Structures are given as structure tokens and as C-alpha cells.
Amino acid sequence: MARLTDADFASVFATRVRPLRRTAYLLCGDWARAEDLVQTAFVRTYAGWGRIRDLGAVDAYLRTTLTHVYLDDARRLWSGEVPTEAVPDVPDVVTGSSADATDDRLALMAALQRVPPRQRACLVLRFFDDCSVEETSLVLGCSEGTVKSNTARGLDALRSRLLPDLTIRSNPS
């Protein structure tokens, strides 16, 4: 099989940068940091471009590289808490409006940012990128059992952070 060219890389970049940026944002919760993570993933991918023989494998290679870049970055930054200047407002009643859907999405994103990095990576890969347990284990370089347990723990962490908000919202005072 022929070596991939710089034109192939440019094409991959043009088609994959937006979906990869979305995945990076879901992992880190900050668009600026997501841009940095994606840029680093593409730089590392380009550095290894000569070793890639199959254009069909580039998606998996990029996803794996992005996830590793995120986890490396998260190891340096993770403290278990996300500082904020003010306590976020929680609506008292669910009314079914689009504002409520936005509030729910923001609450989910805030809760996701408080989940430990490897569990968050499992949740994003499994539920947002629609990867199988096997694909997720390949990306993270761990066993399928580890993916399953990290996913379960991550879901539990999300529930514990979201359920108090839902309880407050469903019981108006």
C-alpha cells in the first residue's frame, strides 16, 4: 500500500477537526483547552503520519491520540474539584421550555467535568462518540472490564451530582 501524503493529511484535518473538537470539549469542558488538545493530537498524528498505511485507520488513530493527550493533560490538572466564582443557579420547576433543555445540558456538562478523567473518557467515548466497549478499551489501552467498571463508576458519579439538582427542581418550595 502507498504511503499517505501531506494532501491526505490536509483532507483528514479538514473533515475530522470539528468532530474531534467536539469530543475534546466533552472531555475537558473548555473550548480553548479543547482546541489545544485537538491541535496537539493532530501534531502527534502528523509526526506519526509516515507509519500510517491505511486511511481508514486514521479515525481510530486520531481518537486514541486525542484521548491520550487529554488524559496526560488531566493527570497534571485534576484536583477533583472544579472551582467557580459563584454557586450555579438551579431552577425551581421544570417547565419543558427550550431554556430548561439548555439548563439540563449545562447541568450535565458541569457534572461531567466533576467526574474523574478516565471515567469521563469512558463516558464520552461510549455515549457521545458511540464507541463499543471493545473500541473504548483499544483507545484507552485497558481491558474491557476496566472500561465497564469505569463507565459504571462514571455513571454513578454523574447520578450523584445530578440527582440532588433534579430533586430540588421537582420539589418547588
C-alpha atoms as a PDB file:
ATOM      1  CA  MET A   1       0.000   0.000   0.000  1.00  0.00           C
ATOM      2  CA  ALA A   2       1.267   3.503  -0.865  1.00  0.00           C
ATOM      3  CA  ARG A   3       2.352   5.958   1.791  1.00  0.00           C
ATOM      4  CA  LEU A   4      -0.120   8.615   2.780  1.00  0.00           C
ATOM      5  CA  THR A   5       0.702  12.102   1.540  1.00  0.00           C
ATOM      6  CA  ASP A   6       0.511  15.571   3.045  1.00  0.00           C
ATOM      7  CA  ALA A   7      -2.582  16.141   0.876  1.00  0.00           C
ATOM      8  CA  ASP A   8      -4.176  13.114   2.577  1.00  0.00           C
ATOM      9  CA  PHE A   9      -3.368  14.665   5.961  1.00  0.00           C
ATOM     10  CA  ALA A  10      -4.875  18.013   4.914  1.00  0.00           C
ATOM     11  CA  SER A  11      -8.034  16.213   3.816  1.00  0.00           C
ATOM     12  CA  VAL A  12      -8.252  14.288   7.098  1.00  0.00           C
ATOM     13  CA  PHE A  13      -7.718  17.503   9.051  1.00  0.00           C
ATOM     14  CA  ALA A  14     -10.466  19.319   7.124  1.00  0.00           C
ATOM     15  CA  THR A  15     -13.009  16.553   7.695  1.00  0.00           C
ATOM     16  CA  ARG A  16     -12.127  15.496  11.247  1.00  0.00           C
ATOM     17  CA  VAL A  17     -11.191  18.691  13.085  1.00  0.00           C
ATOM     18  CA  ARG A  18     -14.777  19.666  14.058  1.00  0.00           C
ATOM     19  CA  PRO A  19     -15.914  16.239  15.339  1.00  0.00           C
ATOM     20  CA  LEU A  20     -12.617  15.842  17.198  1.00  0.00           C
ATOM     21  CA  ARG A  21     -13.005  19.303  18.749  1.00  0.00           C
ATOM     22  CA  ARG A  22     -16.497  18.339  19.966  1.00  0.00           C
ATOM     23  CA  THR A  23     -15.095  15.188  21.572  1.00  0.00           C
ATOM     24  CA  ALA A  24     -12.279  17.193  23.163  1.00  0.00           C
ATOM     25  CA  TYR A  25     -14.802  19.703  24.545  1.00  0.00           C
ATOM     26  CA  LEU A  26     -16.876  16.910  26.033  1.00  0.00           C
ATOM     27  CA  LEU A  27     -13.732  15.561  27.678  1.00  0.00           C
ATOM     28  CA  CYS A  28     -12.438  18.829  29.116  1.00  0.00           C
ATOM     29  CA  GLY A  29     -15.422  21.221  29.178  1.00  0.00           C
ATOM     30  CA  ASP A  30     -13.465  24.220  27.878  1.00  0.00           C
ATOM     31  CA  TRP A  31     -13.420  25.238  24.203  1.00  0.00           C
ATOM     32  CA  ALA A  32      -9.974  26.854  24.411  1.00  0.00           C
ATOM     33  CA  ARG A  33      -8.470  23.806  26.078  1.00  0.00           C
ATOM     34  CA  ALA A  34     -10.305  21.569  23.568  1.00  0.00           C
ATOM     35  CA  GLU A  35      -8.630  23.493  20.728  1.00  0.00           C
ATOM     36  CA  ASP A  36      -5.237  22.900  22.354  1.00  0.00           C
ATOM     37  CA  LEU A  37      -5.937  19.199  22.821  1.00  0.00           C
ATOM     38  CA  VAL A  38      -7.039  18.785  19.195  1.00  0.00           C
ATOM     39  CA  GLN A  39      -4.040  20.730  17.927  1.00  0.00           C
ATOM     40  CA  THR A  40      -1.688  18.533  19.950  1.00  0.00           C
ATOM     41  CA  ALA A  41      -3.461  15.386  18.711  1.00  0.00           C
ATOM     42  CA  PHE A  42      -3.054  16.481  15.088  1.00  0.00           C
ATOM     43  CA  VAL A  43       0.604  17.410  15.643  1.00  0.00           C
ATOM     44  CA  ARG A  44       1.283  13.963  17.113  1.00  0.00           C
ATOM     45  CA  THR A  45      -0.671  12.315  14.311  1.00  0.00           C
ATOM     46  CA  TYR A  46       1.315  14.211  11.708  1.00  0.00           C
ATOM     47  CA  ALA A  47       4.547  13.196  13.438  1.00  0.00           C
ATOM     48  CA  GLY A  48       3.488   9.552  13.031  1.00  0.00           C
ATOM     49  CA  TRP A  49       1.937  10.056   9.573  1.00  0.00           C
ATOM     50  CA  GLY A  50       4.630   8.016   7.847  1.00  0.00           C
ATOM     51  CA  ARG A  51       3.722   4.949   9.920  1.00  0.00           C
ATOM     52  CA  ILE A  52       0.031   5.044   8.990  1.00  0.00           C
ATOM     53  CA  ARG A  53      -0.668   2.878   5.951  1.00  0.00           C
ATOM     54  CA  ASP A  54      -4.459   2.720   5.888  1.00  0.00           C
ATOM     55  CA  LEU A  55      -6.516   5.902   5.559  1.00  0.00           C
ATOM     56  CA  GLY A  56      -9.405   4.019   7.172  1.00  0.00           C
ATOM     57  CA  ALA A  57      -7.397   3.665  10.394  1.00  0.00           C
ATOM     58  CA  VAL A  58      -6.843   7.395  10.794  1.00  0.00           C
ATOM     59  CA  ASP A  59     -10.107   7.983  12.695  1.00  0.00           C
ATOM     60  CA  ALA A  60      -9.212   5.449  15.361  1.00  0.00           C
ATOM     61  CA  TYR A  61      -5.625   6.740  15.483  1.00  0.00           C
ATOM     62  CA  LEU A  62      -6.831  10.334  15.983  1.00  0.00           C
ATOM     63  CA  ARG A  63      -9.388   9.369  18.643  1.00  0.00           C
ATOM     64  CA  THR A  64      -6.774   7.353  20.523  1.00  0.00           C
ATOM     65  CA  THR A  65      -4.221  10.154  20.276  1.00  0.00           C
ATOM     66  CA  LEU A  66      -6.744  12.775  21.431  1.00  0.00           C
ATOM     67  CA  THR A  67      -7.797  10.631  24.385  1.00  0.00           C
ATOM     68  CA  HIS A  68      -4.182  10.060  25.425  1.00  0.00           C
ATOM     69  CA  VAL A  69      -3.401  13.785  25.092  1.00  0.00           C
ATOM     70  CA  TYR A  70      -6.432  14.587  27.254  1.00  0.00           C
ATOM     71  CA  LEU A  71      -5.552  12.001  29.915  1.00  0.00           C
ATOM     72  CA  ASP A  72      -1.918  13.195  30.018  1.00  0.00           C
ATOM     73  CA  ASP A  73      -3.123  16.774  30.414  1.00  0.00           C
ATOM     74  CA  ALA A  74      -5.753  15.785  33.002  1.00  0.00           C
ATOM     75  CA  ARG A  75      -3.166  13.987  35.152  1.00  0.00           C
ATOM     76  CA  ARG A  76      -1.382  17.288  35.563  1.00  0.00           C
ATOM     77  CA  LEU A  77      -4.548  19.317  36.201  1.00  0.00           C
ATOM     78  CA  TRP A  78      -7.016  17.020  38.003  1.00  0.00           C
ATOM     79  CA  SER A  79      -7.790  18.017  41.558  1.00  0.00           C
ATOM     80  CA  GLY A  80     -11.272  16.502  41.863  1.00  0.00           C
ATOM     81  CA  GLU A  81     -12.943  19.896  42.113  1.00  0.00           C
ATOM     82  CA  VAL A  82     -13.900  22.487  39.554  1.00  0.00           C
ATOM     83  CA  PRO A  83     -13.623  25.997  41.018  1.00  0.00           C
ATOM     84  CA  THR A  84     -16.322  28.542  40.223  1.00  0.00           C
ATOM     85  CA  GLU A  85     -16.816  32.126  41.289  1.00  0.00           C
ATOM     86  CA  ALA A  86     -20.452  31.661  42.256  1.00  0.00           C
ATOM     87  CA  VAL A  87     -22.821  28.831  43.063  1.00  0.00           C
ATOM     88  CA  PRO A  88     -24.771  27.998  39.892  1.00  0.00           C
ATOM     89  CA  ASP A  89     -28.479  28.802  39.893  1.00  0.00           C
ATOM     90  CA  VAL A  90     -30.819  25.823  39.850  1.00  0.00           C
ATOM     91  CA  PRO A  91     -34.335  26.370  38.505  1.00  0.00           C
ATOM     92  CA  ASP A  92     -37.154  25.518  40.916  1.00  0.00           C
ATOM     93  CA  VAL A  93     -39.579  23.937  38.438  1.00  0.00           C
ATOM     94  CA  VAL A  94     -39.193  22.075  35.167  1.00  0.00           C
ATOM     95  CA  THR A  95     -41.435  23.795  32.621  1.00  0.00           C
ATOM     96  CA  GLY A  96     -40.471  21.943  29.455  1.00  0.00           C
ATOM     97  CA  SER A  97     -39.140  25.007  27.603  1.00  0.00           C
ATOM     98  CA  SER A  98     -36.005  25.161  25.490  1.00  0.00           C
ATOM     99  CA  ALA A  99     -34.418  27.147  28.319  1.00  0.00           C
ATOM    100  CA  ASP A 100     -34.902  24.104  30.533  1.00  0.00           C
ATOM    101  CA  ALA A 101     -33.244  21.877  27.920  1.00  0.00           C
ATOM    102  CA  THR A 102     -30.312  24.284  27.890  1.00  0.00           C
ATOM    103  CA  ASP A 103     -30.196  24.264  31.678  1.00  0.00           C
ATOM    104  CA  ASP A 104     -30.241  20.461  31.668  1.00  0.00           C
ATOM    105  CA  ARG A 105     -27.411  20.364  29.139  1.00  0.00           C
ATOM    106  CA  LEU A 106     -25.365  22.842  31.192  1.00  0.00           C
ATOM    107  CA  ALA A 107     -26.017  20.821  34.357  1.00  0.00           C
ATOM    108  CA  LEU A 108     -24.910  17.646  32.559  1.00  0.00           C
ATOM    109  CA  MET A 109     -21.739  19.341  31.289  1.00  0.00           C
ATOM    110  CA  ALA A 110     -20.938  20.705  34.749  1.00  0.00           C
ATOM    111  CA  ALA A 111     -21.479  17.288  36.323  1.00  0.00           C
ATOM    112  CA  LEU A 112     -19.403  15.613  33.612  1.00  0.00           C
ATOM    113  CA  GLN A 113     -16.489  17.935  34.417  1.00  0.00           C
ATOM    114  CA  ARG A 114     -16.535  16.728  38.016  1.00  0.00           C
ATOM    115  CA  VAL A 115     -16.150  13.064  37.026  1.00  0.00           C
ATOM    116  CA  PRO A 116     -12.545  11.755  37.220  1.00  0.00           C
ATOM    117  CA  PRO A 117     -10.714  11.912  33.853  1.00  0.00           C
ATOM    118  CA  ARG A 118     -10.582   8.194  32.945  1.00  0.00           C
ATOM    119  CA  GLN A 119     -14.232   7.686  33.869  1.00  0.00           C
ATOM    120  CA  ARG A 120     -15.119  10.804  31.877  1.00  0.00           C
ATOM    121  CA  ALA A 121     -13.154   9.473  28.892  1.00  0.00           C
ATOM    122  CA  CYS A 122     -15.125   6.212  29.077  1.00  0.00           C
ATOM    123  CA  LEU A 123     -18.444   8.086  29.228  1.00  0.00           C
ATOM    124  CA  VAL A 124     -17.593  10.385  26.324  1.00  0.00           C
ATOM    125  CA  LEU A 125     -16.271   7.590  24.119  1.00  0.00           C
ATOM    126  CA  ARG A 126     -19.139   5.217  24.922  1.00  0.00           C
ATOM    127  CA  PHE A 127     -22.133   7.566  24.919  1.00  0.00           C
ATOM    128  CA  PHE A 128     -21.156  10.630  22.892  1.00  0.00           C
ATOM    129  CA  ASP A 129     -18.804   9.054  20.312  1.00  0.00           C
ATOM    130  CA  ASP A 130     -20.848   5.822  20.261  1.00  0.00           C
ATOM    131  CA  CYS A 131     -17.821   3.532  20.630  1.00  0.00           C
ATOM    132  CA  SER A 132     -18.292  -0.057  21.713  1.00  0.00           C
ATOM    133  CA  VAL A 133     -16.706  -1.410  24.891  1.00  0.00           C
ATOM    134  CA  GLU A 134     -14.054  -3.088  22.724  1.00  0.00           C
ATOM    135  CA  GLU A 135     -13.272   0.110  20.780  1.00  0.00           C
ATOM    136  CA  THR A 136     -13.085   2.106  24.004  1.00  0.00           C
ATOM    137  CA  SER A 137     -10.712  -0.419  25.558  1.00  0.00           C
ATOM    138  CA  LEU A 138      -8.455  -0.162  22.494  1.00  0.00           C
ATOM    139  CA  VAL A 139      -8.461   3.644  22.625  1.00  0.00           C
ATOM    140  CA  LEU A 140      -7.702   3.738  26.351  1.00  0.00           C
ATOM    141  CA  GLY A 141      -5.287   0.801  26.291  1.00  0.00           C
ATOM    142  CA  CYS A 142      -7.058  -1.096  29.038  1.00  0.00           C
ATOM    143  CA  SER A 143      -9.214  -4.197  29.408  1.00  0.00           C
ATOM    144  CA  GLU A 144     -12.903  -4.313  28.528  1.00  0.00           C
ATOM    145  CA  GLY A 145     -13.659  -4.981  32.199  1.00  0.00           C
ATOM    146  CA  THR A 146     -11.886  -1.745  33.144  1.00  0.00           C
ATOM    147  CA  VAL A 147     -13.985   0.135  30.584  1.00  0.00           C
ATOM    148  CA  LYS A 148     -17.163  -1.390  32.009  1.00  0.00           C
ATOM    149  CA  SER A 149     -16.236  -0.564  35.607  1.00  0.00           C
ATOM    150  CA  ASN A 150     -15.072   2.970  34.740  1.00  0.00           C
ATOM    151  CA  THR A 151     -18.298   3.523  32.799  1.00  0.00           C
ATOM    152  CA  ALA A 152     -20.416   2.284  35.700  1.00  0.00           C
ATOM    153  CA  ARG A 153     -18.488   4.400  38.217  1.00  0.00           C
ATOM    154  CA  GLY A 154     -18.705   7.418  35.917  1.00  0.00           C
ATOM    155  CA  LEU A 155     -22.476   6.999  35.564  1.00  0.00           C
ATOM    156  CA  ASP A 156     -22.779   6.698  39.347  1.00  0.00           C
ATOM    157  CA  ALA A 157     -20.727   9.882  39.767  1.00  0.00           C
ATOM    158  CA  LEU A 158     -22.966  11.688  37.256  1.00  0.00           C
ATOM    159  CA  ARG A 159     -26.105  10.494  39.032  1.00  0.00           C
ATOM    160  CA  SER A 160     -24.811  11.611  42.422  1.00  0.00           C
ATOM    161  CA  ARG A 161     -24.112  15.079  41.037  1.00  0.00           C
ATOM    162  CA  LEU A 162     -27.317  15.393  39.006  1.00  0.00           C
ATOM    163  CA  LEU A 163     -29.907  13.826  41.294  1.00  0.00           C
ATOM    164  CA  PRO A 164     -29.689  16.485  44.024  1.00  0.00           C
ATOM    165  CA  ASP A 165     -30.350  19.126  41.330  1.00  0.00           C
ATOM    166  CA  LEU A 166     -33.279  17.137  39.972  1.00  0.00           C
ATOM    167  CA  THR A 167     -34.696  16.662  43.470  1.00  0.00           C
ATOM    168  CA  ILE A 168     -34.551  20.401  44.145  1.00  0.00           C
ATOM    169  CA  ARG A 169     -36.174  21.171  40.794  1.00  0.00           C
ATOM    170  CA  SER A 170     -39.003  18.700  41.210  1.00  0.00           C
ATOM    171  CA  ASN A 171     -39.934  19.862  44.726  1.00  0.00           C
ATOM    172  CA  PRO A 172     -40.767  23.568  44.470  1.00  0.00           C
ATOM    173  CA  SER A 173     -40.832  25.384  47.804  1.00  0.00           C
END
